[in-house]
Every structure is written in C-alpha cells, then in structure tokens.
C-alpha cells in the first residue's frame, strides 16, 4: 500500500494540500499515527534524485506478496513504520546539513547547535513530537536563534512538506524573522503549531503573522506571549478572530494589551466559532481606562461563545463585583473547562459568587485562584461547596491567599470528602501545627484520589514532636490543567 502510494505521487503533480489529505488516508489505512510529523518528503515528478543523501542502511523492503492485511497484528505494518521512521531520520539529517551550508551569518555556533538538535530529533524518531528549539536548552542558552538562523532553517526545508509543531520560544527572533515565517504560512502547509513566546517581535511582525493566518487553513495554535506587540496588535488579532475558523488556540499573554485592544478582542470572540483556548493575561490597565467595563464584555462573550474551553485572565485587577458580572455569563456557558484567575483581587465575597456558580456548573474541571485574597472565610465557603454542591472540580490552586488555621482545616476536610478533587495546591498560606496536623491524612497516601495519579504540593514532618508542613515541589502542568501547552 505504501509503495503503491509513493509510485502514484511520483507519477502525477499534486498540490501540497491535497497530498496531505492523501497521506493521512494512507497512514490511517495502515493504522499509523504520523499526522503530527515535523517534515515528510514531497515526491516531485521532476526530481530524479532523492531530497537527501544518507549512509544509513534502509530497513528490509516490504513483502508485497504477503497475504496479511496491514493492521495491528500484521507483519507489514511494522515494516511500514520502520521505513517511515528511517525516511524521517534521513530527512532530519539532510535538513540539518543544509542548514549549516545555507547559513551565512556570524552565529555559526547556534547554527551547529540547531543542526545537532535536528539530528537528535530524527534519531529519536520523534515523529509525533514537537520540534523543540527553545532557547532555554543547555545547548542553546549562549547561542539563541536569531532571524538569520530562522530564515536559514526554513530555507533548508525547501522541497519538504512542512508539518507538525515547532517551538521557537526564548530566542532572539525579531520582526524580520516573523515576516519571513508569515510568507511561509501563506503557502499551503500542514504546520499545526508555532510558539514564539519570549522573543523580540513587535507590531510589524505580529501584523504580518495575523495577516497570513487569514489565508492559512492549517495552523491551529499560535503563541505570541511576552512580545512587546502593543495595543494595536489586539485590534489586528480581533480582525483575525472574526475571519478565522481554524485557529483553535491563541496566547497573547503579557503583550502590552490595553483596554481598547482587550475590549475589541472580547467583542470579536462573540462571533468566533473555533477558538477553544485564549490567554489574555497581564494586560496594561489603569483606572482611567475603565477596566470595570471589561467584565461586561467577558459576560457577553461567555454567553455567545460555543467552543471556548479554557479562559486565562491572570492579573486583570478583577474585584469581587467584577467576578460577579463575569459569572452571570458563565452560568449560561456549558463548554468552559479551565478558568484561570491568578493574581486578581478576589476575596470572600468573590468566593461566595464562585460557590453559587460551581453549585450550578457541570463542566468546569480546573480552577486557578493563585495569589488572590480569599482568606479563611473564602476558603471555608469554597470548601463547603466542593464537599456538598459540586462533583466536577478536579484541579484547584489556592496558593498565596492569606488562609490561616480555620480556612486550611476546612480545605483539608474538603479534600478528604470531595468526590472529585485529585490535584490541590495550597502552599504559601499560613500553616500552624493544628492545620498541619489536619493535612496529615491528606498527604499520607490514604486518599486514593490523591495517591493514584493525583498531586498535592505540601507534605508533613515531625520536628521536636510537633507536626510541621513542608513544601513538595510539583509541576503545575500535572493533571488536567493546561498551564503551558493546550492540546487540541
């Protein structure tokens, strides 16, 4: 089946978009999960030579006379996988060699580091994994990717069908590199995800990317967080959201969005039919901008949107009254699964509004209230709700909320009696010996919801006969919460 398909591709001229659908059909028939591969070869009719040269020996040829049909128990399907992985490894090695040959800049150490990462990616046969080129890796910290390396990389990929997920976070990419990538996106590709967080992209680069996505039909995730794009970038993003029906996840956290940009994005989201994840964190808001009117727009968005599953609003200066307005719209929403309200001004009254919302809601699974103002009263209200009126919340973060003995004891009781809580984060509050003793049962492993696949970020230890709380470092990505990456 695989060889027949290759012969057909070599004999005819196909558009890359149509070729992508054919590849998926063939791989599905062979029960191969290769849709997320980073690159795979486009066999062109005019090319007599392969796209790559390699000293690697190919695996055994397929036995086309085999009577078995490719499937889970077939001997043919593993051979197809071996050949596909071998081709993928050769292709990554060839692109790595091309990159070093094409690059003409002074940052040769970075080019060589990226080349090694490409070869390693191919040797691992990481077909369905993202190509991770983020600048915080040990091999990249002193030689981060700049525009020249980025352009050389995409130039080295010419003749290959670009697909999958690529991470360029924590590098030195500027508008020049972003504009170049935007031109790539205008052509048919199966590129699913691009991550440009923590770079030096400003408005011109972001504008080029947003404009290209208006005609791109493949990209599903774009991460632009921590780039100084500004409020005008919000207006351009809103235009994209009104048109795009393929972009599923958008991250513009800490991009200097202001009141006008946020307002028009929220209005555009009312008519969007595709976005499932949006991160609008850390905007630049002042009292003069009238941030109190933004919760009304959030209310309208939540009443209208039909797809949104994850909403992240960290550091929005939201008060208890603001939260009450937002929740009026969320009550009517049945799709929201993740809600992030980190670093706001939510106190006991806000906890009461949340309790009323959670008593009616059946879809929300994760709630992040890190660094708010719940105090004992708010913690008691939420704990009572989680014990008796809600059975869906699985992930709860109430770190750094000025909660003391009464509130922490109530939380410990809620963890013991809740039907759903599996991941709980409480570090940063005021533990004393009594509240520490209350958490002894919780952290002992006696609660199977916590011990079997769950997580809690504190432990207990006895010092001089007194139970003391200890911090157990946990990855906040554990469990159902999409802290960094949202899988769609």
Protein backbone atom coordinates (compact mmCIF):
# COMPACT_ATOMS: atom_id res chain seq x y z
CA UNK A 1 0.00 0.00 0.00
CA UNK A 2 2.78 2.40 0.95
CA UNK A 3 4.89 1.69 -2.16
CA UNK A 4 1.84 1.97 -4.42
CA UNK A 5 1.11 5.37 -2.94
CA UNK A 6 4.71 6.57 -3.47
CA UNK A 7 4.62 5.46 -7.11
CA UNK A 8 1.36 7.33 -7.62
CA UNK A 9 2.77 10.52 -6.08
CA UNK A 10 5.88 10.37 -8.27
CA UNK A 11 3.82 9.94 -11.42
CA UNK A 12 1.46 12.88 -11.00
CA UNK A 13 1.65 16.50 -9.89
CA UNK A 14 -0.39 17.18 -6.75
CA UNK A 15 -1.00 20.27 -4.69
CA UNK A 16 0.56 20.05 -1.24
CA UNK A 17 -2.83 20.41 0.49
CA UNK A 18 -4.32 17.52 -1.48
CA UNK A 19 -1.17 15.49 -0.93
CA UNK A 20 -1.51 15.99 2.81
CA UNK A 21 -5.03 14.55 2.79
CA UNK A 22 -3.87 11.57 0.71
CA UNK A 23 -1.00 10.88 3.12
CA UNK A 24 -3.40 10.94 6.06
CA UNK A 25 -5.74 8.50 4.29
CA UNK A 26 -2.90 6.10 3.51
CA UNK A 27 -1.47 6.26 7.03
CA UNK A 28 -4.93 5.76 8.52
CA UNK A 29 -5.44 2.68 6.35
CA UNK A 30 -2.10 1.40 7.62
CA UNK A 31 -3.05 2.28 11.21
CA UNK A 32 -0.06 4.62 11.55
CA UNK A 33 -0.29 7.68 13.74
CA UNK A 34 2.02 10.03 11.83
CA UNK A 35 -0.16 13.12 11.31
CA UNK A 36 1.97 15.26 13.60
CA UNK A 37 5.33 14.55 11.98
CA UNK A 38 7.52 17.60 11.54
CA UNK A 39 8.54 17.01 7.91
CA UNK A 40 7.87 14.33 5.37
CA UNK A 41 9.08 14.19 1.80
CA UNK A 42 7.06 15.56 -1.11
CA UNK A 43 7.92 13.37 -4.08
CA UNK A 44 8.08 15.70 -7.11
CA UNK A 45 7.78 14.41 -10.64
CA UNK A 46 10.70 16.49 -11.93
CA UNK A 47 13.14 15.30 -9.26
CA UNK A 48 15.22 12.31 -10.34
CA UNK A 49 17.34 12.33 -7.18
CA UNK A 50 16.04 11.97 -3.60
CA UNK A 51 15.89 15.01 -1.34
CA UNK A 52 18.54 13.58 0.93
CA UNK A 53 21.70 11.53 0.95
CA UNK A 54 22.44 9.18 3.78
CA UNK A 55 24.88 6.45 4.66
CA UNK A 56 22.21 4.74 6.75
CA UNK A 57 21.07 1.37 5.51
CA UNK A 58 17.34 1.19 4.81
CA UNK A 59 15.22 -1.41 6.57
CA UNK A 60 14.10 -4.51 4.75
CA UNK A 61 11.82 -3.96 1.80
CA UNK A 62 8.16 -4.73 2.18
CA UNK A 63 6.95 -8.15 1.14
CA UNK A 64 4.19 -7.18 -1.22
CA UNK A 65 3.22 -10.82 -1.68
CA UNK A 66 2.30 -11.15 1.96
CA UNK A 67 -1.24 -12.37 2.41
CA UNK A 68 -1.83 -10.45 5.61
CA UNK A 69 -3.54 -7.09 5.58
CA UNK A 70 -1.77 -4.20 7.36
CA UNK A 71 -3.18 -3.97 10.85
CA UNK A 72 -2.40 -4.25 14.50
CA UNK A 73 -1.29 -7.90 14.26
CA UNK A 74 0.20 -7.68 10.79
CA UNK A 75 3.89 -8.07 9.96
CA UNK A 76 3.60 -5.46 7.19
CA UNK A 77 2.54 -2.51 9.33
CA UNK A 78 5.74 -2.57 11.47
CA UNK A 79 7.79 -2.64 8.28
CA UNK A 80 5.93 0.42 7.02
CA UNK A 81 6.64 2.14 10.33
CA UNK A 82 10.33 1.24 10.16
CA UNK A 83 10.68 2.59 6.63
CA UNK A 84 8.77 5.77 7.51
CA UNK A 85 10.93 6.39 10.58
CA UNK A 86 14.08 5.73 8.59
CA UNK A 87 12.96 8.25 5.94
CA UNK A 88 12.16 10.73 8.72
CA UNK A 89 15.61 10.27 10.29
CA UNK A 90 17.35 10.77 6.93
CA UNK A 91 15.26 13.83 6.20
CA UNK A 92 16.09 15.48 9.54
CA UNK A 93 19.78 14.77 8.99
CA UNK A 94 19.66 16.28 5.50
CA UNK A 95 17.88 19.43 6.71
CA UNK A 96 20.49 19.74 9.47
CA UNK A 97 23.30 19.58 6.90
CA UNK A 98 21.54 22.06 4.62
CA UNK A 99 21.06 24.49 7.49
CA UNK A 100 24.80 24.72 8.18
CA UNK A 101 25.53 25.04 4.46
CA UNK A 102 22.90 27.74 3.80
CA UNK A 103 23.57 29.92 6.84
CA UNK A 104 25.93 32.82 6.10
CA UNK A 105 25.77 34.76 9.36
CA UNK A 106 28.25 35.07 12.20
CA UNK A 107 26.31 32.97 14.72
CA UNK A 108 27.74 29.67 13.48
CA UNK A 109 27.71 28.08 16.92
CA UNK A 110 23.93 28.47 17.08
CA UNK A 111 23.54 27.03 13.57
CA UNK A 112 25.58 24.00 14.61
CA UNK A 113 23.55 23.62 17.82
CA UNK A 114 20.26 23.71 15.90
CA UNK A 115 21.71 21.22 13.42
CA UNK A 116 22.55 18.82 16.25
CA UNK A 117 19.05 19.17 17.71
CA UNK A 118 17.58 18.32 14.30
CA UNK A 119 19.73 15.21 14.01
CA UNK A 120 18.82 14.17 17.54
CA UNK A 121 15.14 14.72 16.75
CA UNK A 122 15.46 12.42 13.74
CA UNK A 123 17.49 9.76 15.59
CA UNK A 124 14.84 9.57 18.30
CA UNK A 125 12.21 9.01 15.60
CA UNK A 126 10.17 11.72 17.35
CA UNK A 127 7.68 11.81 14.50
CA UNK A 128 4.69 12.91 16.54
CA UNK A 129 6.61 15.16 18.97
CA UNK A 130 7.13 18.92 18.65
CA UNK A 131 10.45 20.10 17.26
CA UNK A 132 11.79 21.81 20.36
CA UNK A 133 14.18 24.68 19.53
CA UNK A 134 13.52 26.87 22.57
CA UNK A 135 16.45 28.96 23.72
CA UNK A 136 16.49 27.80 27.35
CA UNK A 137 18.05 24.46 26.48
CA UNK A 138 21.57 23.96 27.75
CA UNK A 139 22.97 23.78 24.22
CA UNK A 140 21.19 26.99 23.18
CA UNK A 141 21.48 29.33 26.15
CA UNK A 142 24.60 31.10 24.95
CA UNK A 143 23.67 30.92 21.25
CA UNK A 144 20.00 31.62 20.81
CA UNK A 145 18.24 31.56 17.45
CA UNK A 146 18.14 34.89 15.61
CA UNK A 147 16.49 35.93 12.36
CA UNK A 148 19.36 34.61 10.23
CA UNK A 149 19.19 31.12 11.73
CA UNK A 150 15.39 31.08 11.42
CA UNK A 151 15.49 32.04 7.74
CA UNK A 152 18.25 29.50 7.05
CA UNK A 153 16.23 26.77 8.75
CA UNK A 154 13.12 27.37 6.65
CA UNK A 155 15.26 27.71 3.54
CA UNK A 156 16.82 24.32 4.29
CA UNK A 157 13.32 22.85 4.45
CA UNK A 158 12.50 23.77 0.86
CA UNK A 159 11.26 20.73 -1.03
CA UNK A 160 9.87 19.21 2.16
CA UNK A 161 6.28 19.32 3.24
CA UNK A 162 6.27 21.38 6.43
CA UNK A 163 4.07 19.90 9.11
CA UNK A 164 3.65 19.46 12.85
CA UNK A 165 4.64 21.69 15.76
CA UNK A 166 7.72 23.89 16.18
CA UNK A 167 8.77 25.77 19.33
CA UNK A 168 10.98 28.89 18.94
CA UNK A 169 10.38 30.22 22.47
CA UNK A 170 13.08 32.09 24.42
CA UNK A 171 15.11 33.19 21.39
CA UNK A 172 16.12 36.45 19.68
CA UNK A 173 13.66 36.44 16.79
CA UNK A 174 12.52 39.91 15.69
CA UNK A 175 10.10 41.34 13.14
CA UNK A 176 12.32 40.27 10.24
CA UNK A 177 12.04 36.60 11.17
CA UNK A 178 8.31 36.88 11.89
CA UNK A 179 7.65 38.45 8.48
CA UNK A 180 9.61 35.65 6.78
CA UNK A 181 7.57 32.98 8.60
CA UNK A 182 4.38 34.84 7.65
CA UNK A 183 5.29 34.43 3.98
CA UNK A 184 5.76 30.70 4.56
CA UNK A 185 2.32 30.49 6.16
CA UNK A 186 0.70 31.99 3.07
CA UNK A 187 1.61 28.82 1.15
CA UNK A 188 -0.23 25.53 1.79
CA UNK A 189 1.31 23.65 4.72
CA UNK A 190 0.20 21.35 7.49
CA UNK A 191 2.01 23.34 10.18
CA UNK A 192 -0.17 22.96 13.26
CA UNK A 193 1.56 24.98 15.98
CA UNK A 194 4.07 27.84 16.24
CA UNK A 195 5.46 29.06 19.55
CA UNK A 196 7.16 32.49 19.54
CA UNK A 197 6.86 33.28 23.26
CA UNK A 198 9.65 35.33 24.86
CA UNK A 199 11.15 36.77 21.67
CA UNK A 200 11.55 40.36 20.39
CA UNK A 201 8.62 40.52 17.99
CA UNK A 202 6.80 43.84 17.83
CA UNK A 203 3.79 45.17 15.95
CA UNK A 204 5.11 44.78 12.33
CA UNK A 205 6.00 41.13 12.86
CA UNK A 206 2.74 40.33 14.64
CA UNK A 207 0.74 42.16 11.96
CA UNK A 208 2.39 40.07 9.22
CA UNK A 209 1.62 36.82 11.09
CA UNK A 210 -2.00 37.76 11.76
CA UNK A 211 -2.49 38.78 8.13
CA UNK A 212 -1.01 35.49 6.87
CA UNK A 213 -3.31 33.49 9.13
CA UNK A 214 -6.32 34.98 7.38
CA UNK A 215 -5.47 32.81 4.36
CA UNK A 216 -3.79 29.92 6.18
CA UNK A 217 -6.05 26.94 6.76
CA UNK A 218 -3.79 24.64 8.79
CA UNK A 219 -2.29 26.45 11.80
CA UNK A 220 -4.28 25.72 14.93
CA UNK A 221 -2.08 27.18 17.69
CA UNK A 222 -0.16 30.46 17.79
CA UNK A 223 1.73 31.57 20.90
CA UNK A 224 2.91 35.19 20.92
CA UNK A 225 3.17 35.75 24.67
CA UNK A 226 5.81 38.06 26.17
CA UNK A 227 6.48 40.02 22.98
CA UNK A 228 6.07 43.80 23.02
CA UNK A 229 3.33 43.90 20.41
CA UNK A 230 1.18 46.64 21.95
CA UNK A 231 -2.49 47.54 21.88
CA UNK A 232 -2.68 47.88 18.09
CA UNK A 233 -1.81 44.19 17.90
CA UNK A 234 -5.02 43.49 19.77
CA UNK A 235 -7.02 45.26 17.08
CA UNK A 236 -5.35 43.15 14.37
CA UNK A 237 -5.93 39.97 16.35
CA UNK A 238 -9.61 40.83 16.69
CA UNK A 239 -9.87 41.13 12.89
CA UNK A 240 -8.29 37.69 12.57
CA UNK A 241 -10.69 36.17 15.12
CA UNK A 242 -13.66 37.46 13.15
CA UNK A 243 -12.46 35.66 10.00
CA UNK A 244 -10.56 32.54 11.07
CA UNK A 245 -12.41 29.29 11.54
CA UNK A 246 -9.28 27.13 12.03
CA UNK A 247 -7.27 28.88 14.77
CA UNK A 248 -8.07 26.96 17.95
CA UNK A 249 -5.55 28.26 20.50
CA UNK A 250 -4.17 31.80 20.86
CA UNK A 251 -1.78 33.06 23.55
CA UNK A 252 -1.10 36.80 23.83
CA UNK A 253 -0.10 36.83 27.49
CA UNK A 254 1.95 39.88 28.50
CA UNK A 255 1.98 41.56 25.08
CA UNK A 256 1.17 45.08 26.39
CA UNK A 257 -2.51 44.86 25.54
CA UNK A 258 -4.54 47.78 26.85
CA UNK A 259 -8.21 48.49 27.37
CA UNK A 260 -9.18 49.12 23.73
CA UNK A 261 -7.36 46.05 22.44
CA UNK A 262 -8.90 43.78 25.07
CA UNK A 263 -12.38 45.18 24.52
CA UNK A 264 -12.37 44.57 20.78
CA UNK A 265 -10.90 41.07 21.19
CA UNK A 266 -13.70 40.15 23.58
CA UNK A 267 -16.28 41.54 21.15
CA UNK A 268 -14.73 39.57 18.26
CA UNK A 269 -14.83 36.38 20.34
CA UNK A 270 -18.62 36.58 20.48
CA UNK A 271 -18.83 35.59 16.81
CA UNK A 272 -15.82 33.25 16.70
CA UNK A 273 -16.70 29.60 16.12
CA UNK A 274 -13.31 27.92 16.51
CA UNK A 275 -11.22 29.21 19.44
CA UNK A 276 -11.07 26.80 22.39
CA UNK A 277 -8.17 28.33 24.34
CA UNK A 278 -7.33 32.01 24.82
CA UNK A 279 -4.80 33.60 27.17
CA UNK A 280 -5.21 37.36 27.64
CA UNK A 281 -3.06 37.62 30.74
CA UNK A 282 -1.17 40.56 32.22
CA UNK A 283 -2.67 43.48 30.28
CA UNK A 284 -1.69 47.11 30.91
CA UNK A 285 -4.76 48.54 32.63
CA UNK A 286 -5.31 51.75 34.61
CA UNK A 287 -8.33 53.14 36.40
CA UNK A 288 -8.56 55.84 33.73
CA UNK A 289 -9.10 53.15 31.08
CA UNK A 290 -12.25 51.95 32.78
CA UNK A 291 -11.27 48.29 33.37
CA UNK A 292 -14.51 47.80 35.31
CA UNK A 293 -16.40 47.64 31.99
CA UNK A 294 -14.34 44.70 30.70
CA UNK A 295 -16.19 42.08 32.84
CA UNK A 296 -19.39 43.06 30.97
CA UNK A 297 -17.69 42.17 27.71
CA UNK A 298 -16.47 38.88 29.21
CA UNK A 299 -20.06 38.18 30.27
CA UNK A 300 -21.26 38.82 26.72
CA UNK A 301 -18.52 36.65 25.26
CA UNK A 302 -19.30 33.72 27.56
CA UNK A 303 -23.00 33.96 26.74
CA UNK A 304 -22.29 33.77 22.99
CA UNK A 305 -19.24 31.55 22.51
CA UNK A 306 -19.90 27.91 21.69
CA UNK A 307 -16.40 26.42 21.67
CA UNK A 308 -14.30 28.09 24.38
CA UNK A 309 -12.87 25.57 26.84
CA UNK A 310 -10.04 27.45 28.52
CA UNK A 311 -10.07 31.11 29.60
CA UNK A 312 -7.00 32.62 31.23
CA UNK A 313 -7.23 36.10 32.80
CA UNK A 314 -4.25 36.43 35.17
CA UNK A 315 -3.57 39.86 36.71
CA UNK A 316 -6.66 41.61 35.38
CA UNK A 317 -7.27 43.51 38.64
CA UNK A 318 -10.66 41.76 38.94
CA UNK A 319 -12.61 42.56 42.09
CA UNK A 320 -15.47 40.62 43.70
CA UNK A 321 -18.02 42.73 41.81
CA UNK A 322 -16.19 42.18 38.51
CA UNK A 323 -16.24 38.43 39.12
CA UNK A 324 -19.97 38.53 39.83
CA UNK A 325 -20.59 40.18 36.45
CA UNK A 326 -18.44 37.63 34.63
CA UNK A 327 -20.13 34.66 36.26
CA UNK A 328 -23.55 35.80 35.06
CA UNK A 329 -22.45 34.92 31.55
CA UNK A 330 -20.54 31.80 32.57
CA UNK A 331 -23.63 30.27 34.15
CA UNK A 332 -25.14 30.04 30.67
CA UNK A 333 -21.96 28.51 29.21
CA UNK A 334 -21.61 24.72 29.11
CA UNK A 335 -18.23 24.39 27.36
CA UNK A 336 -15.75 26.08 29.74
CA UNK A 337 -13.45 23.53 31.38
CA UNK A 338 -10.46 25.61 32.61
CA UNK A 339 -10.65 29.00 34.34
CA UNK A 340 -7.53 30.91 35.43
CA UNK A 341 -7.98 33.96 37.69
CA UNK A 342 -4.43 34.16 39.05
CA UNK A 343 -3.25 37.38 40.67
CA UNK A 344 -6.55 39.24 40.95
CA UNK A 345 -8.40 40.82 43.90
CA UNK A 346 -10.94 38.10 44.65
CA UNK A 347 -11.89 37.96 48.33
CA UNK A 348 -14.56 36.24 50.46
CA UNK A 349 -17.44 37.89 48.56
CA UNK A 350 -15.95 36.67 45.31
CA UNK A 351 -15.67 33.18 46.81
CA UNK A 352 -19.39 33.32 47.55
CA UNK A 353 -20.14 34.19 43.92
CA UNK A 354 -17.89 31.35 42.78
CA UNK A 355 -19.67 28.95 45.15
CA UNK A 356 -23.04 29.84 43.64
CA UNK A 357 -21.60 29.34 40.16
CA UNK A 358 -19.99 25.98 40.99
CA UNK A 359 -23.24 24.74 42.50
CA UNK A 360 -24.90 25.10 39.09
CA UNK A 361 -21.96 24.31 36.79
CA UNK A 362 -21.28 20.81 35.47
CA UNK A 363 -18.45 21.45 33.01
CA UNK A 364 -15.63 23.26 34.89
CA UNK A 365 -12.75 20.93 35.83
CA UNK A 366 -9.90 23.25 36.86
CA UNK A 367 -9.93 26.49 38.84
CA UNK A 368 -6.83 28.61 39.47
CA UNK A 369 -7.17 31.20 42.24
CA UNK A 370 -3.46 31.56 42.99
CA UNK A 371 -2.44 34.88 44.64
CA UNK A 372 -5.87 36.28 45.45
CA UNK A 373 -7.45 37.40 48.75
CA UNK A 374 -9.71 34.51 49.81
CA UNK A 375 -8.62 34.41 53.48
CA UNK A 376 -10.28 31.99 55.93
CA UNK A 377 -13.86 32.95 55.08
CA UNK A 378 -13.41 32.47 51.35
CA UNK A 379 -11.63 29.14 51.83
CA UNK A 380 -14.43 27.87 54.07
CA UNK A 381 -17.09 28.87 51.53
CA UNK A 382 -15.32 27.11 48.65
CA UNK A 383 -14.58 24.03 50.78
CA UNK A 384 -18.23 23.64 51.74
CA UNK A 385 -19.26 23.91 48.08
CA UNK A 386 -16.72 21.32 46.94
CA UNK A 387 -17.91 18.87 49.61
CA UNK A 388 -21.65 19.13 49.13
CA UNK A 389 -22.61 21.01 45.96
CA UNK A 390 -20.00 20.27 43.27
CA UNK A 391 -18.61 17.00 41.92
CA UNK A 392 -16.70 18.13 38.85
CA UNK A 393 -13.73 20.23 40.05
CA UNK A 394 -10.60 18.09 39.85
CA UNK A 395 -7.78 20.69 39.95
CA UNK A 396 -7.73 23.59 42.45
CA UNK A 397 -4.98 26.13 43.15
CA UNK A 398 -5.42 28.40 46.20
CA UNK A 399 -1.75 29.18 46.88
CA UNK A 400 -0.84 32.53 48.49
CA UNK A 401 -4.34 33.54 49.60
CA UNK A 402 -3.63 34.54 53.21
CA UNK A 403 -5.52 31.49 54.51
CA UNK A 404 -4.93 30.60 58.16
CA UNK A 405 -5.95 27.83 60.57
CA UNK A 406 -9.75 27.81 60.11
CA UNK A 407 -9.62 28.01 56.36
CA UNK A 408 -6.86 25.40 55.98
CA UNK A 409 -8.65 22.93 58.25
CA UNK A 410 -11.78 23.39 56.13
CA UNK A 411 -9.74 22.78 52.96
CA UNK A 412 -8.26 19.58 54.43
CA UNK A 413 -11.75 18.35 55.27
CA UNK A 414 -12.94 19.18 51.75
CA UNK A 415 -10.07 17.20 50.22
CA UNK A 416 -10.98 14.17 52.34
CA UNK A 417 -14.67 14.32 51.49
CA UNK A 418 -14.77 15.68 47.95
CA UNK A 419 -15.88 13.27 45.26
CA UNK A 420 -13.66 14.71 42.53
CA UNK A 421 -10.59 16.65 43.79
CA UNK A 422 -7.35 15.00 42.67
CA UNK A 423 -4.89 17.92 42.38
CA UNK A 424 -4.72 20.56 45.11
CA UNK A 425 -2.15 23.34 45.64
CA UNK A 426 -2.16 25.18 48.99
CA UNK A 427 1.44 26.25 49.63
CA UNK A 428 2.06 29.88 50.58
CA UNK A 429 -0.67 30.10 53.21
CA UNK A 430 -0.26 30.35 57.00
CA UNK A 431 0.12 26.82 58.37
CA UNK A 432 0.38 26.23 62.10
CA UNK A 433 0.68 22.91 63.99
CA UNK A 434 -3.12 22.42 64.06
CA UNK A 435 -3.65 22.97 60.33
CA UNK A 436 -0.51 20.93 59.59
CA UNK A 437 -1.96 18.05 61.60
CA UNK A 438 -5.21 18.36 59.61
CA UNK A 439 -3.26 17.73 56.41
CA UNK A 440 -1.51 14.62 57.78
CA UNK A 441 -4.18 12.24 56.48
CA UNK A 442 -4.35 14.07 53.15
CA UNK A 443 -0.64 13.69 52.41
CA UNK A 444 -0.22 10.21 53.93
CA UNK A 445 -1.45 8.42 50.80
CA UNK A 446 -4.62 7.19 52.45
CA UNK A 447 -6.82 9.08 49.97
CA UNK A 448 -6.62 7.10 46.74
CA UNK A 449 -7.79 10.01 44.60
CA UNK A 450 -4.60 11.83 45.61
CA UNK A 451 -2.17 8.92 45.78
CA UNK A 452 -3.24 7.31 42.48
CA UNK A 453 -2.33 9.90 39.85
CA UNK A 454 -3.22 12.99 41.88
CA UNK A 455 -0.96 15.62 43.43
CA UNK A 456 -0.68 17.87 46.43
CA UNK A 457 2.11 20.41 46.90
CA UNK A 458 2.66 20.02 50.66
CA UNK A 459 3.88 17.32 52.96
CA UNK A 460 4.25 16.95 56.73
CA UNK A 461 7.19 16.25 59.00
CA UNK A 462 7.50 15.97 62.78
CA UNK A 463 10.07 18.28 64.36
CA UNK A 464 10.58 18.06 68.14
CA UNK A 465 7.25 16.28 68.44
CA UNK A 466 5.35 18.98 66.52
CA UNK A 467 3.85 18.39 63.06
CA UNK A 468 5.18 20.90 60.54
CA UNK A 469 4.20 21.50 56.94
CA UNK A 470 6.80 21.12 54.18
CA UNK A 471 6.77 22.22 50.56
CA UNK A 472 6.73 19.48 47.93
CA UNK A 473 7.64 20.91 44.55
CA UNK A 474 5.01 19.97 42.00
CA UNK A 475 4.69 20.74 38.31
CA UNK A 476 1.54 22.78 37.83
CA UNK A 477 1.11 21.08 34.44
CA UNK A 478 0.19 17.88 36.24
CA UNK A 479 -3.33 16.68 35.75
CA UNK A 480 -5.93 18.34 33.58
CA UNK A 481 -4.71 21.94 33.82
CA UNK A 482 -3.22 23.38 30.58
CA UNK A 483 -0.65 25.65 32.24
CA UNK A 484 1.84 25.91 29.35
CA UNK A 485 0.55 23.91 26.44
CA UNK A 486 -3.01 23.30 25.46
CA UNK A 487 -3.58 20.11 23.46
CA UNK A 488 -6.38 20.35 20.92
